[in-house]
Amino acid sequence: MNKEQIIEALKTIVQPYSEETSALAHIDENTDFINDLKINSANLVDIILDIEEKFNIEIDNDSMAKMLNVKATTEIIESKLAANAG
């Protein structure tokens, strides 16, 4: 799965938690979940749980704390997917 596919999957996962339709439509690596998409910290936890389910990965607390924007989240997903593949 490449970065663009992961970002598209993230857009689908994040959509129910954000009312910022313009920001969602233009989601990219620089999108910040809290500042740009106005997602609160409780919903961020829900998003991480949805990510774990969608990608069949387990995200530890250290990684979870870093998942505040699309770039960091994408890198963590890629890393976890690579670890599962090996």
Protein backbone atom coordinates (compact mmCIF):
# COMPACT_ATOMS: atom_id res chain seq x y z
CA MET A 1 0.00 0.00 0.00
CA ASN A 2 1.52 3.33 -1.03
CA LYS A 3 1.35 6.70 0.72
CA GLU A 4 -1.48 8.02 -1.49
CA GLN A 5 -3.61 4.94 -0.74
CA ILE A 6 -2.99 5.37 2.98
CA ILE A 7 -3.98 9.06 2.82
CA GLU A 8 -7.18 8.15 0.96
CA ALA A 9 -7.99 5.54 3.61
CA LEU A 10 -7.27 8.11 6.33
CA LYS A 11 -9.65 10.56 4.68
CA THR A 12 -12.43 7.95 4.89
CA ILE A 13 -11.59 7.11 8.51
CA VAL A 14 -11.40 10.75 9.64
CA GLN A 15 -14.48 12.02 7.77
CA PRO A 16 -17.11 11.10 10.42
CA TYR A 17 -15.12 12.93 13.10
CA SER A 18 -14.62 16.26 11.31
CA GLU A 19 -17.09 18.86 10.10
CA GLU A 20 -14.34 20.75 8.24
CA THR A 21 -15.41 19.58 4.78
CA SER A 22 -13.06 21.94 2.94
CA ALA A 23 -10.03 20.76 4.92
CA LEU A 24 -11.10 17.13 4.46
CA ALA A 25 -11.41 17.60 0.71
CA HIS A 26 -7.83 18.89 0.57
CA ILE A 27 -6.24 16.51 3.08
CA ASP A 28 -2.53 15.98 2.50
CA GLU A 29 0.63 15.24 4.49
CA ASN A 30 0.58 18.71 6.05
CA THR A 31 -2.95 18.39 7.44
CA ASP A 32 -3.10 18.61 11.23
CA PHE A 33 -5.91 16.64 12.84
CA ILE A 34 -6.55 19.11 15.67
CA ASN A 35 -5.85 22.50 14.05
CA ASP A 36 -7.02 21.88 10.47
CA LEU A 37 -9.74 19.26 10.91
CA LYS A 38 -10.88 20.44 14.37
CA ILE A 39 -10.81 16.91 15.80
CA ASN A 40 -10.76 16.71 19.58
CA SER A 41 -8.45 14.41 21.52
CA ALA A 42 -11.22 11.94 22.41
CA ASN A 43 -12.05 11.51 18.74
CA LEU A 44 -8.36 11.12 17.93
CA VAL A 45 -8.38 7.98 20.07
CA ASP A 46 -11.38 6.70 18.09
CA ILE A 47 -9.55 7.45 14.84
CA ILE A 48 -6.50 5.49 16.01
CA LEU A 49 -8.71 2.55 16.92
CA ASP A 50 -10.29 2.74 13.45
CA ILE A 51 -6.80 2.86 11.88
CA GLU A 52 -5.76 -0.25 13.82
CA GLU A 53 -8.84 -2.08 12.58
CA LYS A 54 -8.59 -0.89 8.96
CA PHE A 55 -4.90 -1.72 8.56
CA ASN A 56 -4.82 -4.69 10.95
CA ILE A 57 -1.97 -3.15 12.97
CA GLU A 58 -1.36 -2.40 16.63
CA ILE A 59 -0.31 1.12 17.58
CA ASP A 60 1.64 1.53 20.81
CA ASN A 61 1.26 4.55 23.09
CA ASP A 62 4.50 6.19 21.92
CA SER A 63 3.39 6.03 18.29
CA MET A 64 -0.11 7.16 19.22
CA ALA A 65 1.28 10.31 20.85
CA LYS A 66 3.00 11.25 17.57
CA MET A 67 -0.09 10.81 15.37
CA LEU A 68 -1.18 14.46 15.31
CA ASN A 69 -0.92 15.06 11.58
CA VAL A 70 -1.30 13.11 8.37
CA LYS A 71 2.44 12.86 7.65
CA ALA A 72 3.33 11.34 11.03
CA THR A 73 0.30 9.05 10.92
CA THR A 74 1.14 7.84 7.41
CA GLU A 75 4.75 7.14 8.41
CA ILE A 76 3.65 5.16 11.47
CA ILE A 77 1.13 3.13 9.43
CA GLU A 78 3.80 2.38 6.80
CA SER A 79 6.25 1.33 9.52
CA LYS A 80 3.70 -0.97 11.21
CA LEU A 81 2.64 -2.49 7.88
CA ALA A 82 6.29 -3.16 6.98
CA ALA A 83 6.91 -4.75 10.39
CA ASN A 84 3.87 -7.02 9.92
CA ALA A 85 5.03 -8.00 6.44
CA GLY A 86 8.46 -9.03 7.72
